[in-house]
Amino acid sequence: PAAAAAAATSVQITLASPPGAEELLLDPGAGASLCFDYINNGSCTRLRTGGACKYRHLSRTHPDVIADRIRQGKLNPAAAAQLLAQAQAGGGGGGGGGGG
């Protein structure tokens, strides 16, 4: 586990990195805020321009992202259940798209 954490923190994201590369970064944990730039656009501007980002880079179908959208009134529980079912079935959804 320690080696995996070290490898995850050494990932450098640049403009040339493939879409979704931000998900390879170590998740700072549930106490950290979500990176809405990444969730809404599938890319984190802070990382792509050489900066650092302290926020969580999660896919749109991650349960924490879905819970946040419900709290903000941007997603109803029925739609949330559908997204969670897609995620569990492997339908993912990546980081791109609208909402959030």
PDB file of N, CA and C in Angstrom:
ATOM      1  N   PRO A   1       0.808  -1.217   0.000  1.00  0.00           N
ATOM      2  CA  PRO A   1       0.000   0.000   0.000  1.00  0.00           C
ATOM      3  C   PRO A   1       0.842   1.268   0.000  1.00  0.00           C
ATOM      4  N   ALA A   2       1.962   1.264   0.738  1.00  0.00           N
ATOM      5  CA  ALA A   2       2.793   2.462   0.797  1.00  0.00           C
ATOM      6  C   ALA A   2       3.412   2.749  -0.564  1.00  0.00           C
ATOM      7  N   ALA A   3       3.811   1.689  -1.286  1.00  0.00           N
ATOM      8  CA  ALA A   3       4.390   1.872  -2.617  1.00  0.00           C
ATOM      9  C   ALA A   3       3.351   2.433  -3.581  1.00  0.00           C
ATOM     10  N   ALA A   4       2.124   1.954  -3.470  1.00  0.00           N
ATOM     11  CA  ALA A   4       1.054   2.461  -4.334  1.00  0.00           C
ATOM     12  C   ALA A   4       0.785   3.928  -4.048  1.00  0.00           C
ATOM     13  N   ALA A   5       0.818   4.298  -2.783  1.00  0.00           N
ATOM     14  CA  ALA A   5       0.599   5.698  -2.423  1.00  0.00           C
ATOM     15  C   ALA A   5       1.719   6.568  -2.959  1.00  0.00           C
ATOM     16  N   ALA A   6       2.939   6.088  -2.866  1.00  0.00           N
ATOM     17  CA  ALA A   6       4.072   6.858  -3.383  1.00  0.00           C
ATOM     18  C   ALA A   6       3.971   7.015  -4.887  1.00  0.00           C
ATOM     19  N   ALA A   7       3.578   5.941  -5.579  1.00  0.00           N
ATOM     20  CA  ALA A   7       3.433   6.013  -7.036  1.00  0.00           C
ATOM     21  C   ALA A   7       2.321   6.972  -7.419  1.00  0.00           C
ATOM     22  N   ALA A   8       1.224   6.967  -6.664  1.00  0.00           N
ATOM     23  CA  ALA A   8       0.096   7.830  -6.978  1.00  0.00           C
ATOM     24  C   ALA A   8       0.452   9.299  -6.794  1.00  0.00           C
ATOM     25  N   THR A   9       1.268   9.596  -5.808  1.00  0.00           N
ATOM     26  CA  THR A   9       1.603  10.995  -5.568  1.00  0.00           C
ATOM     27  C   THR A   9       2.654  11.503  -6.546  1.00  0.00           C
ATOM     28  N   SER A  10       3.347  10.593  -7.244  1.00  0.00           N
ATOM     29  CA  SER A  10       4.373  11.036  -8.180  1.00  0.00           C
ATOM     30  C   SER A  10       3.818  11.270  -9.580  1.00  0.00           C
ATOM     31  N   VAL A  11       2.528  11.052  -9.787  1.00  0.00           N
ATOM     32  CA  VAL A  11       1.903  11.280 -11.089  1.00  0.00           C
ATOM     33  C   VAL A  11       1.907  12.771 -11.380  1.00  0.00           C
ATOM     34  N   GLN A  12       2.370  13.139 -12.553  1.00  0.00           N
ATOM     35  CA  GLN A  12       2.360  14.548 -12.971  1.00  0.00           C
ATOM     36  C   GLN A  12       1.349  14.696 -14.098  1.00  0.00           C
ATOM     37  N   ILE A  13       0.416  15.614 -13.964  1.00  0.00           N
ATOM     38  CA  ILE A  13      -0.610  15.861 -14.957  1.00  0.00           C
ATOM     39  C   ILE A  13      -0.204  17.100 -15.754  1.00  0.00           C
ATOM     40  N   THR A  14      -0.235  16.991 -17.069  1.00  0.00           N
ATOM     41  CA  THR A  14       0.096  18.120 -17.940  1.00  0.00           C
ATOM     42  C   THR A  14      -0.949  18.205 -19.042  1.00  0.00           C
ATOM     43  N   LEU A  15      -0.816  19.191 -19.908  1.00  0.00           N
ATOM     44  CA  LEU A  15      -1.734  19.329 -21.035  1.00  0.00           C
ATOM     45  C   LEU A  15      -1.677  18.117 -21.949  1.00  0.00           C
ATOM     46  N   ALA A  16      -0.544  17.401 -21.965  1.00  0.00           N
ATOM     47  CA  ALA A  16      -0.395  16.243 -22.831  1.00  0.00           C
ATOM     48  C   ALA A  16      -0.942  14.960 -22.209  1.00  0.00           C
ATOM     49  N   SER A  17      -1.332  15.001 -20.944  1.00  0.00           N
ATOM     50  CA  SER A  17      -1.844  13.812 -20.272  1.00  0.00           C
ATOM     51  C   SER A  17      -3.190  13.403 -20.859  1.00  0.00           C
ATOM     52  N   PRO A  18      -3.473  12.111 -20.900  1.00  0.00           N
ATOM     53  CA  PRO A  18      -4.752  11.661 -21.444  1.00  0.00           C
ATOM     54  C   PRO A  18      -5.911  12.072 -20.543  1.00  0.00           C
ATOM     55  N   PRO A  19      -7.109  12.217 -21.111  1.00  0.00           N
ATOM     56  CA  PRO A  19      -8.281  12.544 -20.296  1.00  0.00           C
ATOM     57  C   PRO A  19      -8.467  11.504 -19.198  1.00  0.00           C
ATOM     58  N   GLY A  20      -8.840  11.954 -18.034  1.00  0.00           N
ATOM     59  CA  GLY A  20      -9.073  11.046 -16.916  1.00  0.00           C
ATOM     60  C   GLY A  20      -7.830  10.729 -16.111  1.00  0.00           C
ATOM     61  N   ALA A  21      -6.669  11.239 -16.510  1.00  0.00           N
ATOM     62  CA  ALA A  21      -5.429  10.953 -15.799  1.00  0.00           C
ATOM     63  C   ALA A  21      -5.488  11.448 -14.357  1.00  0.00           C
ATOM     64  N   GLU A  22      -6.318  12.454 -14.090  1.00  0.00           N
ATOM     65  CA  GLU A  22      -6.425  13.009 -12.752  1.00  0.00           C
ATOM     66  C   GLU A  22      -6.907  11.956 -11.748  1.00  0.00           C
ATOM     67  N   GLU A  23      -7.650  10.956 -12.217  1.00  0.00           N
ATOM     68  CA  GLU A  23      -8.155   9.921 -11.317  1.00  0.00           C
ATOM     69  C   GLU A  23      -7.031   9.050 -10.772  1.00  0.00           C
ATOM     70  N   LEU A  24      -5.840   9.102 -11.378  1.00  0.00           N
ATOM     71  CA  LEU A  24      -4.703   8.330 -10.906  1.00  0.00           C
ATOM     72  C   LEU A  24      -4.076   8.940  -9.660  1.00  0.00           C
ATOM     73  N   LEU A  25      -4.425  10.174  -9.363  1.00  0.00           N
ATOM     74  CA  LEU A  25      -3.880  10.843  -8.188  1.00  0.00           C
ATOM     75  C   LEU A  25      -4.449  10.230  -6.921  1.00  0.00           C
ATOM     76  N   LEU A  26      -3.676  10.279  -5.867  1.00  0.00           N
ATOM     77  CA  LEU A  26      -4.119   9.785  -4.579  1.00  0.00           C
ATOM     78  C   LEU A  26      -5.306  10.621  -4.100  1.00  0.00           C
ATOM     79  N   ASP A  27      -6.385   9.956  -3.718  1.00  0.00           N
ATOM     80  CA  ASP A  27      -7.571  10.647  -3.209  1.00  0.00           C
ATOM     81  C   ASP A  27      -7.263  11.171  -1.806  1.00  0.00           C
ATOM     82  N   PRO A  28      -7.369  12.499  -1.581  1.00  0.00           N
ATOM     83  CA  PRO A  28      -7.053  13.040  -0.260  1.00  0.00           C
ATOM     84  C   PRO A  28      -8.062  12.648   0.813  1.00  0.00           C
ATOM     85  N   GLY A  29      -9.141  11.978   0.447  1.00  0.00           N
ATOM     86  CA  GLY A  29     -10.098  11.478   1.429  1.00  0.00           C
ATOM     87  C   GLY A  29     -11.377  12.274   1.502  1.00  0.00           C
ATOM     88  N   ALA A  30     -12.337  11.687   2.195  1.00  0.00           N
ATOM     89  CA  ALA A  30     -13.683  12.256   2.267  1.00  0.00           C
ATOM     90  C   ALA A  30     -13.713  13.634   2.922  1.00  0.00           C
ATOM     91  N   GLY A  31     -12.701  13.980   3.710  1.00  0.00           N
ATOM     92  CA  GLY A  31     -12.677  15.285   4.354  1.00  0.00           C
ATOM     93  C   GLY A  31     -12.349  16.425   3.404  1.00  0.00           C
ATOM     94  N   ALA A  32     -11.775  16.092   2.239  1.00  0.00           N
ATOM     95  CA  ALA A  32     -11.402  17.123   1.262  1.00  0.00           C
ATOM     96  C   ALA A  32     -12.593  17.428   0.345  1.00  0.00           C
ATOM     97  N   SER A  33     -12.633  18.637  -0.158  1.00  0.00           N
ATOM     98  CA  SER A  33     -13.703  19.047  -1.075  1.00  0.00           C
ATOM     99  C   SER A  33     -13.499  18.417  -2.448  1.00  0.00           C
ATOM    100  N   LEU A  34     -14.555  18.421  -3.224  1.00  0.00           N
ATOM    101  CA  LEU A  34     -14.509  17.880  -4.583  1.00  0.00           C
ATOM    102  C   LEU A  34     -13.967  18.919  -5.557  1.00  0.00           C
ATOM    103  N   CYS A  35     -13.267  18.462  -6.574  1.00  0.00           N
ATOM    104  CA  CYS A  35     -12.780  19.353  -7.631  1.00  0.00           C
ATOM    105  C   CYS A  35     -13.893  19.451  -8.678  1.00  0.00           C
ATOM    106  N   PHE A  36     -14.655  20.529  -8.603  1.00  0.00           N
ATOM    107  CA  PHE A  36     -15.787  20.674  -9.513  1.00  0.00           C
ATOM    108  C   PHE A  36     -15.340  20.918 -10.948  1.00  0.00           C
ATOM    109  N   ASP A  37     -14.172  21.497 -11.124  1.00  0.00           N
ATOM    110  CA  ASP A  37     -13.618  21.666 -12.465  1.00  0.00           C
ATOM    111  C   ASP A  37     -13.462  20.290 -13.114  1.00  0.00           C
ATOM    112  N   TYR A  38     -12.909  19.336 -12.369  1.00  0.00           N
ATOM    113  CA  TYR A  38     -12.720  17.982 -12.903  1.00  0.00           C
ATOM    114  C   TYR A  38     -14.060  17.274 -13.110  1.00  0.00           C
ATOM    115  N   ILE A  39     -14.936  17.357 -12.134  1.00  0.00           N
ATOM    116  CA  ILE A  39     -16.219  16.658 -12.224  1.00  0.00           C
ATOM    117  C   ILE A  39     -17.045  17.186 -13.390  1.00  0.00           C
ATOM    118  N   ASN A  40     -17.080  18.486 -13.568  1.00  0.00           N
ATOM    119  CA  ASN A  40     -17.918  19.082 -14.612  1.00  0.00           C
ATOM    120  C   ASN A  40     -17.299  19.022 -16.002  1.00  0.00           C
ATOM    121  N   ASN A  41     -15.965  19.054 -16.084  1.00  0.00           N
ATOM    122  CA  ASN A  41     -15.309  19.152 -17.387  1.00  0.00           C
ATOM    123  C   ASN A  41     -14.456  17.945 -17.763  1.00  0.00           C
ATOM    124  N   GLY A  42     -14.241  17.034 -16.802  1.00  0.00           N
ATOM    125  CA  GLY A  42     -13.413  15.867 -17.076  1.00  0.00           C
ATOM    126  C   GLY A  42     -11.927  16.175 -17.061  1.00  0.00           C
ATOM    127  N   SER A  43     -11.562  17.373 -16.619  1.00  0.00           N
ATOM    128  CA  SER A  43     -10.175  17.801 -16.596  1.00  0.00           C
ATOM    129  C   SER A  43     -10.016  18.875 -15.523  1.00  0.00           C
ATOM    130  N   CYS A  44      -8.869  18.853 -14.854  1.00  0.00           N
ATOM    131  CA  CYS A  44      -8.597  19.843 -13.814  1.00  0.00           C
ATOM    132  C   CYS A  44      -7.639  20.894 -14.361  1.00  0.00           C
ATOM    133  N   THR A  45      -8.096  22.110 -14.484  1.00  0.00           N
ATOM    134  CA  THR A  45      -7.281  23.194 -15.028  1.00  0.00           C
ATOM    135  C   THR A  45      -6.042  23.438 -14.177  1.00  0.00           C
ATOM    136  N   ARG A  46      -6.177  23.330 -12.853  1.00  0.00           N
ATOM    137  CA  ARG A  46      -5.030  23.561 -11.973  1.00  0.00           C
ATOM    138  C   ARG A  46      -3.885  22.603 -12.315  1.00  0.00           C
ATOM    139  N   LEU A  47      -4.230  21.323 -12.463  1.00  0.00           N
ATOM    140  CA  LEU A  47      -3.206  20.319 -12.754  1.00  0.00           C
ATOM    141  C   LEU A  47      -2.669  20.458 -14.176  1.00  0.00           C
ATOM    142  N   ARG A  48      -3.545  20.722 -15.107  1.00  0.00           N
ATOM    143  CA  ARG A  48      -3.139  20.795 -16.516  1.00  0.00           C
ATOM    144  C   ARG A  48      -2.252  22.007 -16.805  1.00  0.00           C
ATOM    145  N   THR A  49      -2.298  23.002 -15.945  1.00  0.00           N
ATOM    146  CA  THR A  49      -1.437  24.172 -16.150  1.00  0.00           C
ATOM    147  C   THR A  49      -0.206  24.129 -15.246  1.00  0.00           C
ATOM    148  N   GLY A  50       0.069  22.964 -14.661  1.00  0.00           N
ATOM    149  CA  GLY A  50       1.281  22.775 -13.873  1.00  0.00           C
ATOM    150  C   GLY A  50       1.145  23.081 -12.401  1.00  0.00           C
ATOM    151  N   GLY A  51      -0.054  23.445 -11.967  1.00  0.00           N
ATOM    152  CA  GLY A  51      -0.266  23.743 -10.555  1.00  0.00           C
ATOM    153  C   GLY A  51      -0.609  22.501  -9.765  1.00  0.00           C
ATOM    154  N   ALA A  52      -0.925  22.709  -8.518  1.00  0.00           N
ATOM    155  CA  ALA A  52      -1.340  21.624  -7.635  1.00  0.00           C
ATOM    156  C   ALA A  52      -2.826  21.784  -7.349  1.00  0.00           C
ATOM    157  N   CYS A  53      -3.479  20.677  -7.100  1.00  0.00           N
ATOM    158  CA  CYS A  53      -4.902  20.712  -6.742  1.00  0.00           C
ATOM    159  C   CYS A  53      -5.101  19.850  -5.507  1.00  0.00           C
ATOM    160  N   LYS A  54      -5.651  20.445  -4.462  1.00  0.00           N
ATOM    161  CA  LYS A  54      -5.850  19.731  -3.205  1.00  0.00           C
ATOM    162  C   LYS A  54      -7.207  19.034  -3.141  1.00  0.00           C
ATOM    163  N   TYR A  55      -8.001  19.191  -4.197  1.00  0.00           N
ATOM    164  CA  TYR A  55      -9.349  18.656  -4.187  1.00  0.00           C
ATOM    165  C   TYR A  55      -9.416  17.235  -4.738  1.00  0.00           C
ATOM    166  N   ARG A  56     -10.550  16.591  -4.525  1.00  0.00           N
ATOM    167  CA  ARG A  56     -10.745  15.195  -4.941  1.00  0.00           C
ATOM    168  C   ARG A  56     -11.156  15.125  -6.408  1.00  0.00           C
ATOM    169  N   HIS A  57     -10.503  14.252  -7.166  1.00  0.00           N
ATOM    170  CA  HIS A  57     -10.795  14.049  -8.586  1.00  0.00           C
ATOM    171  C   HIS A  57     -11.516  12.720  -8.732  1.00  0.00           C
ATOM    172  N   LEU A  58     -12.846  12.784  -8.680  1.00  0.00           N
ATOM    173  CA  LEU A  58     -13.683  11.586  -8.709  1.00  0.00           C
ATOM    174  C   LEU A  58     -14.551  11.591  -9.952  1.00  0.00           C
ATOM    175  N   SER A  59     -14.944  10.402 -10.392  1.00  0.00           N
ATOM    176  CA  SER A  59     -15.833  10.308 -11.555  1.00  0.00           C
ATOM    177  C   SER A  59     -17.221  10.816 -11.175  1.00  0.00           C
ATOM    178  N   ARG A  60     -17.994  11.175 -12.177  1.00  0.00           N
ATOM    179  CA  ARG A  60     -19.352  11.683 -11.943  1.00  0.00           C
ATOM    180  C   ARG A  60     -20.246  10.647 -11.286  1.00  0.00           C
ATOM    181  N   THR A  61     -19.902   9.368 -11.396  1.00  0.00           N
ATOM    182  CA  THR A  61     -20.731   8.317 -10.817  1.00  0.00           C
ATOM    183  C   THR A  61     -20.222   7.848  -9.458  1.00  0.00           C
ATOM    184  N   HIS A  62     -19.196   8.501  -8.917  1.00  0.00           N
ATOM    185  CA  HIS A  62     -18.703   8.147  -7.584  1.00  0.00           C
ATOM    186  C   HIS A  62     -19.794   8.502  -6.566  1.00  0.00           C
ATOM    187  N   PRO A  63     -20.032   7.629  -5.590  1.00  0.00           N
ATOM    188  CA  PRO A  63     -21.095   7.902  -4.603  1.00  0.00           C
ATOM    189  C   PRO A  63     -20.965   9.247  -3.892  1.00  0.00           C
ATOM    190  N   ASP A  64     -19.749   9.718  -3.621  1.00  0.00           N
ATOM    191  CA  ASP A  64     -19.584  11.019  -2.956  1.00  0.00           C
ATOM    192  C   ASP A  64     -20.010  12.175  -3.863  1.00  0.00           C
ATOM    193  N   VAL A  65     -19.775  12.050  -5.156  1.00  0.00           N
ATOM    194  CA  VAL A  65     -20.194  13.074  -6.116  1.00  0.00           C
ATOM    195  C   VAL A  65     -21.721  13.086  -6.219  1.00  0.00           C
ATOM    196  N   ILE A  66     -22.304  11.909  -6.296  1.00  0.00           N
ATOM    197  CA  ILE A  66     -23.768  11.804  -6.387  1.00  0.00           C
ATOM    198  C   ILE A  66     -24.418  12.376  -5.125  1.00  0.00           C
ATOM    199  N   ALA A  67     -23.873  12.049  -3.952  1.00  0.00           N
ATOM    200  CA  ALA A  67     -24.427  12.573  -2.697  1.00  0.00           C
ATOM    201  C   ALA A  67     -24.347  14.092  -2.657  1.00  0.00           C
ATOM    202  N   ASP A  68     -23.246  14.651  -3.140  1.00  0.00           N
ATOM    203  CA  ASP A  68     -23.098  16.100  -3.170  1.00  0.00           C
ATOM    204  C   ASP A  68     -24.129  16.742  -4.090  1.00  0.00           C
ATOM    205  N   ARG A  69     -24.364  16.134  -5.243  1.00  0.00           N
ATOM    206  CA  ARG A  69     -25.348  16.680  -6.181  1.00  0.00           C
ATOM    207  C   ARG A  69     -26.755  16.618  -5.609  1.00  0.00           C
ATOM    208  N   ILE A  70     -27.059  15.575  -4.834  1.00  0.00           N
ATOM    209  CA  ILE A  70     -28.374  15.477  -4.183  1.00  0.00           C
ATOM    210  C   ILE A  70     -28.498  16.588  -3.134  1.00  0.00           C
ATOM    211  N   ARG A  71     -27.452  16.785  -2.321  1.00  0.00           N
ATOM    212  CA  ARG A  71     -27.474  17.838  -1.291  1.00  0.00           C
ATOM    213  C   ARG A  71     -27.691  19.215  -1.904  1.00  0.00           C
ATOM    214  N   GLN A  72     -27.132  19.445  -3.084  1.00  0.00           N
ATOM    215  CA  GLN A  72     -27.259  20.740  -3.747  1.00  0.00           C
ATOM    216  C   GLN A  72     -28.577  20.878  -4.512  1.00  0.00           C
ATOM    217  N   GLY A  73     -29.373  19.825  -4.549  1.00  0.00           N
ATOM    218  CA  GLY A  73     -30.644  19.865  -5.267  1.00  0.00           C
ATOM    219  C   GLY A  73     -30.495  19.767  -6.775  1.00  0.00           C
ATOM    220  N   LYS A  74     -29.341  19.284  -7.238  1.00  0.00           N
ATOM    221  CA  LYS A  74     -29.095  19.172  -8.677  1.00  0.00           C
ATOM    222  C   LYS A  74     -29.386  17.782  -9.216  1.00  0.00           C
ATOM    223  N   LEU A  75     -29.758  16.874  -8.336  1.00  0.00           N
ATOM    224  CA  LEU A  75     -30.036  15.503  -8.749  1.00  0.00           C
ATOM    225  C   LEU A  75     -31.096  14.938  -7.827  1.00  0.00           C
ATOM    226  N   ASN A  76     -32.136  14.348  -8.412  1.00  0.00           N
ATOM    227  CA  ASN A  76     -33.158  13.750  -7.570  1.00  0.00           C
ATOM    228  C   ASN A  76     -32.763  12.320  -7.204  1.00  0.00           C
ATOM    229  N   PRO A  77     -33.326  11.779  -6.130  1.00  0.00           N
ATOM    230  CA  PRO A  77     -32.937  10.448  -5.664  1.00  0.00           C
ATOM    231  C   PRO A  77     -33.134   9.339  -6.703  1.00  0.00           C
ATOM    232  N   ALA A  78     -34.166   9.436  -7.544  1.00  0.00           N
ATOM    233  CA  ALA A  78     -34.387   8.409  -8.567  1.00  0.00           C
ATOM    234  C   ALA A  78     -33.251   8.407  -9.589  1.00  0.00           C
ATOM    235  N   ALA A  79     -32.842   9.598 -10.020  1.00  0.00           N
ATOM    236  CA  ALA A  79     -31.732   9.700 -10.967  1.00  0.00           C
ATOM    237  C   ALA A  79     -30.432   9.247 -10.308  1.00  0.00           C
ATOM    238  N   ALA A  80     -30.285   9.532  -9.018  1.00  0.00           N
ATOM    239  CA  ALA A  80     -29.088   9.108  -8.286  1.00  0.00           C
ATOM    240  C   ALA A  80     -29.008   7.592  -8.239  1.00  0.00           C
ATOM    241  N   ALA A  81     -30.128   6.948  -7.979  1.00  0.00           N
ATOM    242  CA  ALA A  81     -30.148   5.481  -7.932  1.00  0.00           C
ATOM    243  C   ALA A  81     -29.764   4.892  -9.290  1.00  0.00           C
ATOM    244  N   GLN A  82     -30.219   5.527 -10.360  1.00  0.00           N
ATOM    245  CA  GLN A  82     -29.881   5.064 -11.704  1.00  0.00           C
ATOM    246  C   GLN A  82     -28.378   5.214 -11.964  1.00  0.00           C
ATOM    247  N   LEU A  83     -27.791   6.342 -11.580  1.00  0.00           N
ATOM    248  CA  LEU A  83     -26.352   6.551 -11.756  1.00  0.00           C
ATOM    249  C   LEU A  83     -25.539   5.533 -10.961  1.00  0.00           C
ATOM    250  N   LEU A  84     -25.957   5.273  -9.728  1.00  0.00           N
ATOM    251  CA  LEU A  84     -25.250   4.296  -8.909  1.00  0.00           C
ATOM    252  C   LEU A  84     -25.338   2.899  -9.517  1.00  0.00           C
ATOM    253  N   ALA A  85     -26.493   2.549 -10.060  1.00  0.00           N
ATOM    254  CA  ALA A  85     -26.648   1.246 -10.696  1.00  0.00           C
ATOM    255  C   ALA A  85     -25.740   1.128 -11.918  1.00  0.00           C
ATOM    256  N   GLN A  86     -25.642   2.203 -12.700  1.00  0.00           N
ATOM    257  CA  GLN A  86     -24.740   2.210 -13.864  1.00  0.00           C
ATOM    258  C   GLN A  86     -23.293   2.030 -13.432  1.00  0.00           C
ATOM    259  N   ALA A  87     -22.915   2.712 -12.372  1.00  0.00           N
ATOM    260  CA  ALA A  87     -21.536   2.629 -11.877  1.00  0.00           C
ATOM    261  C   ALA A  87     -21.212   1.217 -11.396  1.00  0.00           C
ATOM    262  N   GLN A  88     -22.153   0.593 -10.718  1.00  0.00           N
ATOM    263  CA  GLN A  88     -21.937  -0.768 -10.214  1.00  0.00           C
ATOM    264  C   GLN A  88     -21.911  -1.772 -11.344  1.00  0.00           C
ATOM    265  N   ALA A  89     -22.619  -1.480 -12.441  1.00  0.00           N
ATOM    266  CA  ALA A  89     -22.649  -2.388 -13.600  1.00  0.00           C
ATOM    267  C   ALA A  89     -21.435  -2.162 -14.501  1.00  0.00           C
ATOM    268  N   GLY A  90     -20.602  -1.174 -14.142  1.00  0.00           N
ATOM    269  CA  GLY A  90     -19.421  -0.901 -14.939  1.00  0.00           C
ATOM    270  C   GLY A  90     -19.663   0.122 -16.027  1.00  0.00           C
ATOM    271  N   GLY A  91     -20.805   0.793 -15.975  1.00  0.00           N
ATOM    272  CA  GLY A  91     -21.147   1.795 -16.970  1.00  0.00           C
ATOM    273  C   GLY A  91     -20.462   3.117 -16.750  1.00  0.00           C
ATOM    274  N   GLY A  92     -19.738   3.251 -15.637  1.00  0.00           N
ATOM    275  CA  GLY A  92     -18.894   4.414 -15.347  1.00  0.00           C
ATOM    276  C   GLY A  92     -19.499   5.741 -15.662  1.00  0.00           C
ATOM    277  N   GLY A  93     -18.992   6.414 -16.663  1.00  0.00           N
ATOM    278  CA  GLY A  93     -19.444   7.744 -16.978  1.00  0.00           C
ATOM    279  C   GLY A  93     -18.304   8.720 -16.925  1.00  0.00           C
ATOM    280  N   GLY A  94     -17.152   8.261 -16.460  1.00  0.00           N
ATOM    281  CA  GLY A  94     -15.960   9.120 -16.474  1.00  0.00           C
ATOM    282  C   GLY A  94     -16.141  10.383 -15.684  1.00  0.00           C
ATOM    283  N   GLY A  95     -15.348  11.367 -15.989  1.00  0.00           N
ATOM    284  CA  GLY A  95     -15.389  12.606 -15.257  1.00  0.00           C
ATOM    285  C   GLY A  95     -16.067  13.714 -16.017  1.00  0.00           C
ATOM    286  N   GLY A  96     -16.327  13.533 -17.311  1.00  0.00           N
ATOM    287  CA  GLY A  96     -16.857  14.618 -18.123  1.00  0.00           C
ATOM    288  C   GLY A  96     -18.352  14.772 -17.998  1.00  0.00           C
ATOM    289  N   GLY A  97     -18.894  15.749 -18.689  1.00  0.00           N
ATOM    290  CA  GLY A  97     -20.334  15.943 -18.719  1.00  0.00           C
ATOM    291  C   GLY A  97     -20.773  17.113 -17.886  1.00  0.00           C
ATOM    292  N   GLY A  98     -22.066  17.312 -17.839  1.00  0.00           N
ATOM    293  CA  GLY A  98     -22.604  18.468 -17.145  1.00  0.00           C
ATOM    294  C   GLY A  98     -23.042  18.160 -15.739  1.00  0.00           C
ATOM    295  N   GLY A  99     -23.779  19.089 -15.171  1.00  0.00           N
ATOM    296  CA  GLY A  99     -24.278  18.945 -13.809  1.00  0.00           C
ATOM    297  C   GLY A  99     -23.196  19.230 -12.802  1.00  0.00           C
ATOM    298  N   GLY A 100     -23.549  19.032 -11.526  1.00  0.00           N
ATOM    299  CA  GLY A 100     -22.522  19.114 -10.497  1.00  0.00           C
ATOM    300  C   GLY A 100     -22.605  20.324  -9.755  1.00  0.00           C
TER     301      GLY A 100
END
